[in-house]
């Protein structure tokens, strides 16, 4: 089995998200950021967006994200970055749509027009972050790094994944560690077994029959 990514699908979905968010707040602006904005994106790049809204609309906009994304497709997960979860003018949200490859996570910045980037960040919000989900996202990022022929970054990311779930990094090749991480979570955590299975399948599609090499 081989990994096939339809970049046109990412382009269509990105445009639909931008239209939906701007439609939810007519005076807002949603735009690309990161590699998509710079024109340096490759097939593995995720969807980085910035949504700038009026100060009075900020909290309502944060609440509308899930609803707006559901209008585009089934939302597999949606969460706010813990360091921004209680900030009054800035929010970073991470979403995955079921129909999109795991590589194409939606990273959405929501910013009030009055946002002050120098403002002191509020305290981290407890209880809204899954270490297991984070570990699996490290595995996805590691696969992406290996496909981009950056083994050093891949090794670092998969090590972070094991660190998240407090398990020693196994003494196998860094690329093989990604598969071990996914299988460890699949066996140990029923809640995240489906996602772990998706990561395992992504690994096999990315590296074919060579999952034990490298």
N, C-alpha and C. Protein backbone atom coordinates (compact mmCIF):
# COMPACT_ATOMS: atom_id res chain seq x y z
N UNK A 1 0.85 -1.19 0.00
CA UNK A 1 0.00 0.00 0.00
C UNK A 1 0.89 1.25 0.00
N UNK A 2 0.50 2.26 -0.73
CA UNK A 2 1.28 3.48 -0.82
C UNK A 2 0.49 4.67 -0.32
N UNK A 3 1.23 5.68 0.09
CA UNK A 3 0.61 6.90 0.61
C UNK A 3 0.24 7.81 -0.55
N UNK A 4 -1.03 8.17 -0.63
CA UNK A 4 -1.49 9.06 -1.68
C UNK A 4 -2.16 10.27 -1.03
N UNK A 5 -1.69 11.45 -1.37
CA UNK A 5 -2.23 12.68 -0.83
C UNK A 5 -2.71 13.57 -1.97
N UNK A 6 -3.99 13.91 -1.93
CA UNK A 6 -4.59 14.76 -2.95
C UNK A 6 -4.52 16.21 -2.45
N UNK A 7 -3.49 16.91 -2.87
CA UNK A 7 -3.29 18.28 -2.39
C UNK A 7 -4.45 19.18 -2.79
N UNK A 8 -5.10 18.88 -3.90
CA UNK A 8 -6.27 19.67 -4.31
C UNK A 8 -7.38 19.57 -3.26
N UNK A 9 -7.49 18.42 -2.60
CA UNK A 9 -8.49 18.27 -1.53
C UNK A 9 -8.17 19.22 -0.38
N UNK A 10 -6.89 19.33 -0.05
CA UNK A 10 -6.51 20.26 1.02
C UNK A 10 -6.83 21.69 0.62
N UNK A 11 -6.58 22.03 -0.63
CA UNK A 11 -6.87 23.39 -1.10
C UNK A 11 -8.36 23.68 -1.02
N UNK A 12 -9.17 22.73 -1.46
CA UNK A 12 -10.64 22.93 -1.42
C UNK A 12 -11.13 23.06 0.02
N UNK A 13 -10.63 22.20 0.89
CA UNK A 13 -11.08 22.23 2.28
C UNK A 13 -10.65 23.52 2.96
N UNK A 14 -9.44 23.96 2.68
CA UNK A 14 -8.95 25.21 3.26
C UNK A 14 -9.82 26.38 2.84
N UNK A 15 -10.16 26.43 1.57
CA UNK A 15 -11.03 27.51 1.07
C UNK A 15 -12.40 27.46 1.73
N UNK A 16 -12.92 26.25 1.92
CA UNK A 16 -14.23 26.10 2.56
C UNK A 16 -14.19 26.57 4.01
N UNK A 17 -13.10 26.27 4.71
CA UNK A 17 -12.97 26.71 6.11
C UNK A 17 -12.91 28.23 6.17
N UNK A 18 -12.12 28.83 5.31
CA UNK A 18 -12.01 30.29 5.29
C UNK A 18 -13.38 30.93 5.04
N UNK A 19 -14.10 30.42 4.06
CA UNK A 19 -15.43 30.97 3.75
C UNK A 19 -16.38 30.81 4.93
N UNK A 20 -16.34 29.64 5.58
CA UNK A 20 -17.26 29.38 6.69
C UNK A 20 -16.97 30.30 7.87
N UNK A 21 -15.71 30.48 8.20
CA UNK A 21 -15.36 31.32 9.35
C UNK A 21 -15.68 32.78 9.07
N UNK A 22 -15.33 33.26 7.90
CA UNK A 22 -15.64 34.65 7.58
C UNK A 22 -17.14 34.87 7.50
N UNK A 23 -17.87 33.86 7.07
CA UNK A 23 -19.33 33.98 7.02
C UNK A 23 -19.95 34.02 8.40
N UNK A 24 -19.28 33.38 9.37
CA UNK A 24 -19.80 33.37 10.74
C UNK A 24 -19.64 34.72 11.41
N UNK A 25 -18.62 35.48 11.02
CA UNK A 25 -18.39 36.83 11.54
C UNK A 25 -18.11 37.73 10.33
N UNK A 26 -19.12 38.38 9.79
CA UNK A 26 -18.98 39.10 8.52
C UNK A 26 -17.85 40.13 8.48
N UNK A 27 -17.50 40.73 9.60
CA UNK A 27 -16.43 41.73 9.59
C UNK A 27 -15.06 41.12 9.87
N UNK A 28 -14.97 39.82 9.89
CA UNK A 28 -13.70 39.16 10.22
C UNK A 28 -12.89 38.87 8.96
N UNK A 29 -11.63 38.52 9.18
CA UNK A 29 -10.74 38.13 8.09
C UNK A 29 -10.06 36.82 8.48
N UNK A 30 -10.19 35.82 7.63
CA UNK A 30 -9.49 34.56 7.83
C UNK A 30 -8.49 34.40 6.70
N UNK A 31 -7.25 34.11 7.04
CA UNK A 31 -6.20 34.06 6.03
C UNK A 31 -5.21 32.95 6.33
N UNK A 32 -4.46 32.57 5.31
CA UNK A 32 -3.43 31.56 5.47
C UNK A 32 -2.28 32.11 6.30
N UNK A 33 -1.59 31.21 6.99
CA UNK A 33 -0.33 31.55 7.63
C UNK A 33 0.61 30.35 7.45
N UNK A 34 1.82 30.48 7.93
CA UNK A 34 2.77 29.38 7.83
C UNK A 34 3.19 29.10 6.39
N UNK A 35 3.48 27.83 6.10
CA UNK A 35 4.03 27.47 4.79
C UNK A 35 3.02 27.67 3.67
N UNK A 36 1.72 27.50 3.95
CA UNK A 36 0.72 27.75 2.91
C UNK A 36 0.73 29.22 2.48
N UNK A 37 0.88 30.11 3.44
CA UNK A 37 0.93 31.54 3.12
C UNK A 37 2.23 31.90 2.41
N UNK A 38 3.32 31.24 2.80
CA UNK A 38 4.63 31.56 2.23
C UNK A 38 4.86 30.93 0.86
N UNK A 39 3.98 29.98 0.49
CA UNK A 39 4.17 29.30 -0.77
C UNK A 39 5.21 28.21 -0.73
N UNK A 40 5.57 27.77 0.48
CA UNK A 40 6.60 26.74 0.63
C UNK A 40 6.02 25.40 1.10
N UNK A 41 4.70 25.27 1.11
CA UNK A 41 4.07 24.04 1.58
C UNK A 41 4.38 22.87 0.66
N UNK A 42 4.48 21.69 1.25
CA UNK A 42 4.58 20.48 0.46
C UNK A 42 3.33 19.63 0.71
N UNK A 43 3.32 18.43 0.21
CA UNK A 43 2.12 17.59 0.32
C UNK A 43 1.79 17.23 1.76
N UNK A 44 2.77 17.34 2.66
CA UNK A 44 2.57 16.94 4.05
C UNK A 44 2.19 18.10 4.97
N UNK A 45 2.21 19.31 4.46
CA UNK A 45 1.98 20.49 5.30
C UNK A 45 0.56 20.53 5.82
N UNK A 46 0.42 20.94 7.08
CA UNK A 46 -0.91 21.06 7.66
C UNK A 46 -1.54 22.39 7.25
N UNK A 47 -2.72 22.65 7.79
CA UNK A 47 -3.52 23.82 7.40
C UNK A 47 -3.42 24.86 8.51
N UNK A 48 -2.59 25.87 8.28
CA UNK A 48 -2.40 26.94 9.27
C UNK A 48 -3.20 28.17 8.86
N UNK A 49 -4.07 28.62 9.76
CA UNK A 49 -4.93 29.76 9.46
C UNK A 49 -4.91 30.76 10.60
N UNK A 50 -5.19 32.00 10.26
CA UNK A 50 -5.36 33.05 11.27
C UNK A 50 -6.70 33.73 11.02
N UNK A 51 -7.54 33.78 12.06
CA UNK A 51 -8.87 34.38 11.96
C UNK A 51 -8.90 35.60 12.88
N UNK A 52 -8.96 36.77 12.28
CA UNK A 52 -8.98 38.02 13.04
C UNK A 52 -10.41 38.53 13.12
N UNK A 53 -10.87 38.74 14.35
CA UNK A 53 -12.27 39.13 14.58
C UNK A 53 -12.31 40.39 15.44
N UNK A 54 -13.47 41.02 15.47
CA UNK A 54 -13.65 42.17 16.33
C UNK A 54 -13.56 41.78 17.80
N UNK A 55 -13.18 42.73 18.62
CA UNK A 55 -13.01 42.46 20.05
C UNK A 55 -14.28 41.89 20.67
N UNK A 56 -15.43 42.46 20.30
CA UNK A 56 -16.70 42.01 20.88
C UNK A 56 -17.09 40.62 20.38
N UNK A 57 -16.53 40.19 19.27
CA UNK A 57 -16.88 38.90 18.68
C UNK A 57 -15.95 37.76 19.10
N UNK A 58 -14.89 38.09 19.82
CA UNK A 58 -13.82 37.10 20.04
C UNK A 58 -14.33 35.82 20.71
N UNK A 59 -14.98 35.94 21.85
CA UNK A 59 -15.41 34.74 22.59
C UNK A 59 -16.47 33.96 21.82
N UNK A 60 -17.35 34.67 21.13
CA UNK A 60 -18.34 33.98 20.32
C UNK A 60 -17.69 33.23 19.17
N UNK A 61 -16.65 33.84 18.58
CA UNK A 61 -15.95 33.18 17.48
C UNK A 61 -15.29 31.89 17.96
N UNK A 62 -14.70 31.94 19.14
CA UNK A 62 -14.07 30.73 19.69
C UNK A 62 -15.08 29.61 19.87
N UNK A 63 -16.29 29.98 20.29
CA UNK A 63 -17.33 28.97 20.51
C UNK A 63 -17.88 28.42 19.20
N UNK A 64 -17.79 29.19 18.12
CA UNK A 64 -18.39 28.79 16.84
C UNK A 64 -17.53 27.85 16.01
N UNK A 65 -16.26 27.69 16.37
CA UNK A 65 -15.35 26.96 15.50
C UNK A 65 -15.85 25.54 15.21
N UNK A 66 -16.23 24.81 16.25
CA UNK A 66 -16.69 23.44 16.07
C UNK A 66 -17.89 23.37 15.14
N UNK A 67 -18.84 24.25 15.36
CA UNK A 67 -20.06 24.28 14.53
C UNK A 67 -19.71 24.57 13.07
N UNK A 68 -18.82 25.52 12.85
CA UNK A 68 -18.45 25.89 11.48
C UNK A 68 -17.73 24.74 10.79
N UNK A 69 -16.87 24.06 11.51
CA UNK A 69 -16.14 22.93 10.90
C UNK A 69 -17.07 21.76 10.62
N UNK A 70 -18.05 21.54 11.49
CA UNK A 70 -19.00 20.45 11.26
C UNK A 70 -19.79 20.69 9.98
N UNK A 71 -19.95 21.94 9.58
CA UNK A 71 -20.62 22.22 8.33
C UNK A 71 -19.80 21.82 7.11
N UNK A 72 -18.51 21.58 7.32
CA UNK A 72 -17.62 21.19 6.23
C UNK A 72 -17.41 19.68 6.20
N UNK A 73 -17.34 19.09 7.38
CA UNK A 73 -17.14 17.65 7.48
C UNK A 73 -17.11 17.22 8.93
N UNK A 74 -17.16 15.92 9.15
CA UNK A 74 -17.16 15.40 10.52
C UNK A 74 -15.86 15.78 11.23
N UNK A 75 -15.99 16.32 12.44
CA UNK A 75 -14.83 16.73 13.22
C UNK A 75 -14.37 15.57 14.08
N UNK A 76 -13.15 15.11 13.84
CA UNK A 76 -12.61 14.00 14.62
C UNK A 76 -12.13 14.47 15.99
N UNK A 77 -11.59 15.68 16.05
CA UNK A 77 -11.15 16.23 17.34
C UNK A 77 -11.03 17.74 17.22
N UNK A 78 -11.22 18.41 18.36
CA UNK A 78 -11.09 19.86 18.43
C UNK A 78 -10.68 20.22 19.85
N UNK A 79 -9.60 20.95 19.98
CA UNK A 79 -9.17 21.37 21.30
C UNK A 79 -8.42 22.69 21.20
N UNK A 80 -8.36 23.39 22.32
CA UNK A 80 -7.60 24.64 22.40
C UNK A 80 -6.24 24.36 23.02
N UNK A 81 -5.25 25.03 22.53
CA UNK A 81 -3.92 24.98 23.14
C UNK A 81 -4.03 25.42 24.60
N UNK A 82 -3.43 24.65 25.49
CA UNK A 82 -3.59 24.95 26.93
C UNK A 82 -3.06 26.32 27.32
N UNK A 83 -1.99 26.77 26.65
CA UNK A 83 -1.40 28.05 27.03
C UNK A 83 -2.24 29.24 26.58
N UNK A 84 -3.19 29.00 25.67
CA UNK A 84 -4.01 30.11 25.20
C UNK A 84 -5.48 29.95 25.57
N UNK A 85 -5.81 28.88 26.29
CA UNK A 85 -7.21 28.52 26.49
C UNK A 85 -8.01 29.55 27.27
N UNK A 86 -7.35 30.37 28.08
CA UNK A 86 -8.07 31.38 28.85
C UNK A 86 -7.64 32.80 28.48
N UNK A 87 -6.89 32.96 27.41
CA UNK A 87 -6.43 34.29 27.01
C UNK A 87 -7.62 35.11 26.50
N UNK A 88 -7.73 36.38 26.87
CA UNK A 88 -8.90 37.17 26.49
C UNK A 88 -8.92 37.63 25.03
N UNK A 89 -7.79 37.60 24.33
CA UNK A 89 -7.77 38.11 22.95
C UNK A 89 -7.05 37.20 21.97
N UNK A 90 -6.63 36.03 22.41
CA UNK A 90 -5.89 35.12 21.52
C UNK A 90 -6.23 33.67 21.86
N UNK A 91 -6.45 32.88 20.83
CA UNK A 91 -6.69 31.46 21.03
C UNK A 91 -6.03 30.68 19.89
N UNK A 92 -5.40 29.58 20.23
CA UNK A 92 -4.87 28.66 19.22
C UNK A 92 -5.64 27.36 19.35
N UNK A 93 -6.29 26.94 18.28
CA UNK A 93 -7.11 25.74 18.30
C UNK A 93 -6.60 24.74 17.29
N UNK A 94 -6.70 23.46 17.66
CA UNK A 94 -6.25 22.37 16.81
C UNK A 94 -7.47 21.50 16.47
N UNK A 95 -7.65 21.20 15.20
CA UNK A 95 -8.79 20.39 14.78
C UNK A 95 -8.34 19.37 13.74
N UNK A 96 -9.05 18.25 13.74
CA UNK A 96 -8.86 17.24 12.69
C UNK A 96 -10.22 16.90 12.11
N UNK A 97 -10.29 16.85 10.80
CA UNK A 97 -11.49 16.41 10.13
C UNK A 97 -11.32 14.95 9.72
N UNK A 98 -12.36 14.15 9.93
CA UNK A 98 -12.28 12.72 9.65
C UNK A 98 -11.88 12.43 8.22
N UNK A 99 -12.35 13.25 7.28
CA UNK A 99 -12.11 12.98 5.86
C UNK A 99 -10.70 13.36 5.40
N UNK A 100 -9.95 14.06 6.24
CA UNK A 100 -8.62 14.51 5.83
C UNK A 100 -7.53 13.59 6.38
N UNK A 101 -6.42 13.45 5.66
CA UNK A 101 -5.28 12.70 6.19
C UNK A 101 -4.81 13.29 7.52
N UNK A 102 -4.20 12.46 8.35
CA UNK A 102 -3.73 12.93 9.66
C UNK A 102 -2.71 14.05 9.54
N UNK A 103 -1.98 14.09 8.44
CA UNK A 103 -0.99 15.15 8.26
C UNK A 103 -1.63 16.53 8.25
N UNK A 104 -2.87 16.61 7.78
CA UNK A 104 -3.48 17.91 7.53
C UNK A 104 -4.32 18.39 8.70
N UNK A 105 -3.70 18.49 9.85
CA UNK A 105 -4.37 19.07 11.01
C UNK A 105 -4.63 20.56 10.75
N UNK A 106 -5.72 21.05 11.27
CA UNK A 106 -6.05 22.47 11.16
C UNK A 106 -5.55 23.18 12.41
N UNK A 107 -4.61 24.10 12.24
CA UNK A 107 -4.09 24.91 13.35
C UNK A 107 -4.63 26.33 13.14
N UNK A 108 -5.59 26.69 13.95
CA UNK A 108 -6.32 27.95 13.76
C UNK A 108 -6.01 28.93 14.88
N UNK A 109 -5.41 30.05 14.52
CA UNK A 109 -5.25 31.17 15.46
C UNK A 109 -6.49 32.05 15.37
N UNK A 110 -7.07 32.37 16.52
CA UNK A 110 -8.18 33.33 16.57
C UNK A 110 -7.68 34.54 17.35
N UNK A 111 -7.73 35.69 16.72
CA UNK A 111 -7.13 36.88 17.30
C UNK A 111 -8.13 38.03 17.27
N UNK A 112 -8.27 38.70 18.39
CA UNK A 112 -9.04 39.94 18.42
C UNK A 112 -8.22 41.04 17.75
N UNK A 113 -8.90 41.96 17.11
CA UNK A 113 -8.17 43.08 16.49
C UNK A 113 -7.40 43.89 17.53
N UNK A 114 -7.81 43.82 18.78
CA UNK A 114 -7.14 44.55 19.86
C UNK A 114 -6.09 43.69 20.55
N UNK A 115 -5.76 42.55 19.96
CA UNK A 115 -4.81 41.65 20.60
C UNK A 115 -3.44 42.31 20.74
N UNK A 116 -2.88 42.19 21.93
CA UNK A 116 -1.54 42.70 22.22
C UNK A 116 -0.60 41.51 22.38
N UNK A 117 0.28 41.26 21.40
CA UNK A 117 1.16 40.09 21.50
C UNK A 117 2.12 40.14 22.66
N UNK A 118 2.30 41.32 23.26
CA UNK A 118 3.20 41.44 24.41
C UNK A 118 2.48 41.24 25.75
N UNK A 119 1.17 41.04 25.68
CA UNK A 119 0.41 40.87 26.93
C UNK A 119 0.86 39.62 27.66
N UNK A 120 0.79 39.65 28.98
CA UNK A 120 1.17 38.50 29.79
C UNK A 120 0.15 37.38 29.58
N UNK A 121 0.64 36.19 29.33
CA UNK A 121 -0.25 35.07 29.12
C UNK A 121 -0.91 34.65 30.43
N UNK A 122 -2.18 34.26 30.39
CA UNK A 122 -2.84 33.76 31.60
C UNK A 122 -2.32 32.39 31.99
N UNK A 123 -2.74 31.91 33.12
CA UNK A 123 -2.30 30.60 33.59
C UNK A 123 -2.83 29.50 32.68
N UNK A 124 -2.03 28.46 32.54
CA UNK A 124 -2.43 27.31 31.73
C UNK A 124 -3.69 26.69 32.30
N UNK A 125 -4.63 26.37 31.41
CA UNK A 125 -5.89 25.77 31.83
C UNK A 125 -5.70 24.26 32.04
N UNK A 126 -5.97 23.74 33.25
CA UNK A 126 -5.76 22.32 33.50
C UNK A 126 -6.89 21.46 32.94
N UNK A 127 -6.59 20.19 32.75
CA UNK A 127 -7.63 19.20 32.48
C UNK A 127 -8.20 19.20 31.08
N UNK A 128 -7.59 19.90 30.12
CA UNK A 128 -8.16 19.95 28.78
C UNK A 128 -7.19 19.41 27.73
N UNK A 129 -6.24 18.60 28.17
CA UNK A 129 -5.17 18.18 27.27
C UNK A 129 -4.88 16.72 27.51
N UNK A 130 -4.88 15.93 26.46
CA UNK A 130 -4.62 14.50 26.56
C UNK A 130 -3.18 14.21 26.19
N UNK A 131 -2.42 13.62 27.11
CA UNK A 131 -1.04 13.27 26.80
C UNK A 131 -0.99 12.17 25.74
N UNK A 132 -2.00 11.30 25.73
CA UNK A 132 -2.04 10.23 24.73
C UNK A 132 -2.24 10.80 23.33
N UNK A 133 -3.19 11.71 23.20
CA UNK A 133 -3.40 12.38 21.91
C UNK A 133 -2.14 13.10 21.47
N UNK A 134 -1.49 13.78 22.41
CA UNK A 134 -0.27 14.51 22.09
C UNK A 134 0.82 13.56 21.61
N UNK A 135 0.94 12.40 22.26
CA UNK A 135 1.94 11.42 21.85
C UNK A 135 1.69 10.93 20.43
N UNK A 136 0.42 10.68 20.10
CA UNK A 136 0.10 10.21 18.76
C UNK A 136 0.33 11.30 17.72
N UNK A 137 0.08 12.55 18.08
CA UNK A 137 0.38 13.64 17.15
C UNK A 137 1.88 13.79 16.95
N UNK A 138 2.67 13.49 17.99
CA UNK A 138 4.13 13.45 17.83
C UNK A 138 4.52 12.37 16.83
N UNK A 139 3.84 11.23 16.89
CA UNK A 139 4.11 10.15 15.95
C UNK A 139 3.80 10.58 14.52
N UNK A 140 2.67 11.26 14.33
CA UNK A 140 2.31 11.75 13.00
C UNK A 140 3.37 12.75 12.50
N UNK A 141 3.78 13.66 13.37
CA UNK A 141 4.79 14.65 12.99
C UNK A 141 6.12 13.96 12.68
N UNK A 142 6.43 12.90 13.40
CA UNK A 142 7.67 12.16 13.14
C UNK A 142 7.63 11.49 11.77
N UNK A 143 6.50 10.88 11.43
CA UNK A 143 6.35 10.28 10.10
C UNK A 143 6.58 11.35 9.03
N UNK A 144 5.98 12.50 9.24
CA UNK A 144 6.14 13.62 8.30
C UNK A 144 7.62 13.99 8.16
N UNK A 145 8.32 14.06 9.29
CA UNK A 145 9.75 14.42 9.25
C UNK A 145 10.57 13.38 8.50
N UNK A 146 10.30 12.11 8.73
CA UNK A 146 11.04 11.07 8.01
C UNK A 146 10.75 11.13 6.51
N UNK A 147 9.51 11.39 6.14
CA UNK A 147 9.18 11.51 4.72
C UNK A 147 9.88 12.72 4.09
N UNK A 148 10.11 13.73 4.90
CA UNK A 148 10.82 14.91 4.42
C UNK A 148 12.33 14.73 4.49
N UNK A 149 12.77 13.53 4.81
CA UNK A 149 14.19 13.18 4.89
C UNK A 149 14.92 14.03 5.93
N UNK A 150 14.27 14.16 7.08
CA UNK A 150 14.86 14.86 8.23
C UNK A 150 14.84 13.90 9.41
N UNK A 151 15.74 12.91 9.41
CA UNK A 151 15.70 11.88 10.44
C UNK A 151 15.98 12.41 11.85
N UNK A 152 16.76 13.47 11.96
CA UNK A 152 17.04 14.04 13.28
C UNK A 152 15.76 14.58 13.91
N UNK A 153 14.97 15.32 13.12
CA UNK A 153 13.70 15.83 13.63
C UNK A 153 12.75 14.68 13.94
N UNK A 154 12.73 13.66 13.08
CA UNK A 154 11.85 12.52 13.31
C UNK A 154 12.19 11.82 14.61
N UNK A 155 13.47 11.61 14.86
CA UNK A 155 13.90 10.95 16.10
C UNK A 155 13.51 11.77 17.33
N UNK A 156 13.67 13.08 17.23
CA UNK A 156 13.31 13.96 18.36
C UNK A 156 11.81 13.91 18.64
N UNK A 157 11.02 13.93 17.58
CA UNK A 157 9.57 13.95 17.76
C UNK A 157 9.05 12.65 18.35
N UNK A 158 9.55 11.52 17.89
CA UNK A 158 9.06 10.25 18.44
C UNK A 158 9.53 10.09 19.89
N UNK A 159 10.71 10.60 20.22
CA UNK A 159 11.16 10.57 21.62
C UNK A 159 10.23 11.40 22.51
N UNK A 160 9.77 12.55 21.99
CA UNK A 160 8.80 13.37 22.72
C UNK A 160 7.51 12.60 22.95
N UNK A 161 7.11 11.80 21.95
CA UNK A 161 5.90 11.01 22.09
C UNK A 161 5.99 10.03 23.24
N UNK A 162 7.11 9.32 23.34
CA UNK A 162 7.29 8.39 24.45
C UNK A 162 7.38 9.14 25.78
N UNK A 163 8.00 10.31 25.76
CA UNK A 163 8.09 11.12 26.97
C UNK A 163 6.71 11.52 27.46
N UNK A 164 5.80 11.84 26.53
CA UNK A 164 4.45 12.25 26.91
C UNK A 164 3.74 11.17 27.72
N UNK A 165 3.94 9.91 27.34
CA UNK A 165 3.22 8.83 28.03
C UNK A 165 4.10 8.12 29.06
N UNK A 166 5.27 8.71 29.34
CA UNK A 166 6.15 8.24 30.41
C UNK A 166 6.59 6.79 30.21
N UNK A 167 6.99 6.50 28.98
CA UNK A 167 7.50 5.17 28.65
C UNK A 167 8.88 5.34 28.03
N UNK A 168 9.86 4.53 28.44
CA UNK A 168 11.21 4.65 27.87
C UNK A 168 11.21 4.42 26.36
N UNK A 169 12.08 5.13 25.68
CA UNK A 169 12.20 4.96 24.23
C UNK A 169 12.83 3.60 23.96
N UNK A 170 12.22 2.77 23.12
CA UNK A 170 12.76 1.43 22.89
C UNK A 170 14.05 1.46 22.08
N UNK A 171 14.84 0.44 22.24
CA UNK A 171 16.16 0.36 21.59
C UNK A 171 16.02 -0.22 20.19
N UNK A 172 15.28 0.46 19.35
CA UNK A 172 15.16 0.10 17.93
C UNK A 172 15.41 1.38 17.13
N UNK A 173 15.43 1.28 15.82
CA UNK A 173 15.71 2.46 15.00
C UNK A 173 14.63 3.53 15.24
N UNK A 174 15.00 4.81 15.12
CA UNK A 174 14.02 5.88 15.37
C UNK A 174 12.75 5.74 14.54
N UNK A 175 12.89 5.31 13.28
CA UNK A 175 11.69 5.19 12.47
C UNK A 175 10.80 4.05 12.97
N UNK A 176 11.41 2.96 13.36
CA UNK A 176 10.63 1.85 13.91
C UNK A 176 9.95 2.25 15.21
N UNK A 177 10.57 3.18 15.97
CA UNK A 177 9.99 3.63 17.23
C UNK A 177 8.60 4.22 17.03
N UNK A 178 8.38 4.84 15.88
CA UNK A 178 7.05 5.42 15.59
C UNK A 178 6.00 4.32 15.62
N UNK A 179 6.29 3.21 14.97
CA UNK A 179 5.35 2.09 14.94
C UNK A 179 5.15 1.51 16.33
N UNK A 180 6.24 1.39 17.09
CA UNK A 180 6.14 0.86 18.46
C UNK A 180 5.27 1.78 19.32
N UNK A 181 5.44 3.09 19.15
CA UNK A 181 4.65 4.05 19.93
C UNK A 181 3.16 3.88 19.62
N UNK A 182 2.82 3.79 18.35
CA UNK A 182 1.41 3.62 17.97
C UNK A 182 0.85 2.31 18.51
N UNK A 183 1.63 1.24 18.41
CA UNK A 183 1.15 -0.06 18.87
C UNK A 183 1.04 -0.12 20.39
N UNK A 184 1.95 0.57 21.08
CA UNK A 184 1.89 0.63 22.55
C UNK A 184 0.60 1.28 23.01
N UNK A 185 0.25 2.41 22.38
CA UNK A 185 -0.98 3.11 22.74
C UNK A 185 -2.21 2.30 22.33
N UNK A 186 -2.14 1.66 21.18
CA UNK A 186 -3.25 0.83 20.72
C UNK A 186 -3.57 -0.27 21.74
N UNK A 187 -2.54 -0.87 22.30
CA UNK A 187 -2.73 -1.97 23.25
C UNK A 187 -3.14 -1.48 24.65
N UNK A 188 -2.77 -0.22 24.99
CA UNK A 188 -2.92 0.22 26.37
C UNK A 188 -4.08 1.16 26.62
N UNK A 189 -4.61 1.80 25.58
CA UNK A 189 -5.59 2.86 25.80
C UNK A 189 -6.77 2.67 24.83
N UNK A 190 -7.86 2.11 25.33
CA UNK A 190 -9.01 1.85 24.48
C UNK A 190 -9.58 3.12 23.85
N UNK A 191 -9.52 4.23 24.60
CA UNK A 191 -10.11 5.48 24.10
C UNK A 191 -9.38 5.97 22.86
N UNK A 192 -8.07 5.74 22.80
CA UNK A 192 -7.28 6.24 21.68
C UNK A 192 -6.82 5.13 20.75
N UNK A 193 -7.31 3.92 20.95
CA UNK A 193 -6.95 2.82 20.05
C UNK A 193 -7.33 3.10 18.60
N UNK A 194 -8.52 3.67 18.32
CA UNK A 194 -8.83 3.96 16.91
C UNK A 194 -7.84 4.93 16.26
N UNK A 195 -7.46 5.99 17.00
CA UNK A 195 -6.50 6.93 16.45
C UNK A 195 -5.13 6.27 16.30
N UNK A 196 -4.75 5.46 17.27
CA UNK A 196 -3.48 4.74 17.18
C UNK A 196 -3.46 3.83 15.96
N UNK A 197 -4.59 3.20 15.67
CA UNK A 197 -4.69 2.34 14.49
C UNK A 197 -4.52 3.16 13.21
N UNK A 198 -5.07 4.38 13.19
CA UNK A 198 -4.90 5.25 12.03
C UNK A 198 -3.43 5.64 11.85
N UNK A 199 -2.76 5.92 12.97
CA UNK A 199 -1.33 6.28 12.89
C UNK A 199 -0.53 5.09 12.38
N UNK A 200 -0.85 3.91 12.86
CA UNK A 200 -0.16 2.70 12.41
C UNK A 200 -0.38 2.49 10.91
N UNK A 201 -1.61 2.69 10.45
CA UNK A 201 -1.90 2.54 9.03
C UNK A 201 -1.17 3.60 8.21
N UNK A 202 -1.12 4.83 8.72
CA UNK A 202 -0.38 5.90 8.04
C UNK A 202 1.08 5.53 7.90
N UNK A 203 1.64 4.97 8.95
CA UNK A 203 3.04 4.54 8.93
C UNK A 203 3.27 3.52 7.82
N UNK A 204 2.41 2.54 7.74
CA UNK A 204 2.58 1.47 6.75
C UNK A 204 2.38 1.98 5.33
N UNK A 205 1.45 2.92 5.16
CA UNK A 205 1.26 3.53 3.84
C UNK A 205 2.47 4.37 3.45
N UNK A 206 3.07 5.05 4.44
CA UNK A 206 4.21 5.92 4.16
C UNK A 206 5.46 5.13 3.81
N UNK A 207 5.65 3.98 4.49
CA UNK A 207 6.92 3.27 4.34
C UNK A 207 6.76 1.89 3.73
N UNK A 208 5.56 1.56 3.27
CA UNK A 208 5.34 0.30 2.58
C UNK A 208 5.73 -0.90 3.42
N UNK A 209 6.40 -1.83 2.80
CA UNK A 209 6.81 -3.06 3.51
C UNK A 209 8.11 -2.90 4.24
N UNK A 210 8.57 -1.66 4.40
CA UNK A 210 9.88 -1.46 5.01
C UNK A 210 9.76 -0.85 6.41
N UNK A 211 8.68 -1.18 7.13
CA UNK A 211 8.48 -0.52 8.41
C UNK A 211 9.51 -0.90 9.46
N UNK A 212 10.32 -1.95 9.19
CA UNK A 212 11.32 -2.35 10.17
C UNK A 212 12.71 -1.84 9.80
N UNK A 213 12.80 -1.05 8.74
CA UNK A 213 14.08 -0.52 8.30
C UNK A 213 14.22 0.93 8.73
N UNK A 214 15.44 1.44 8.63
CA UNK A 214 15.67 2.88 8.80
C UNK A 214 15.77 3.32 10.22
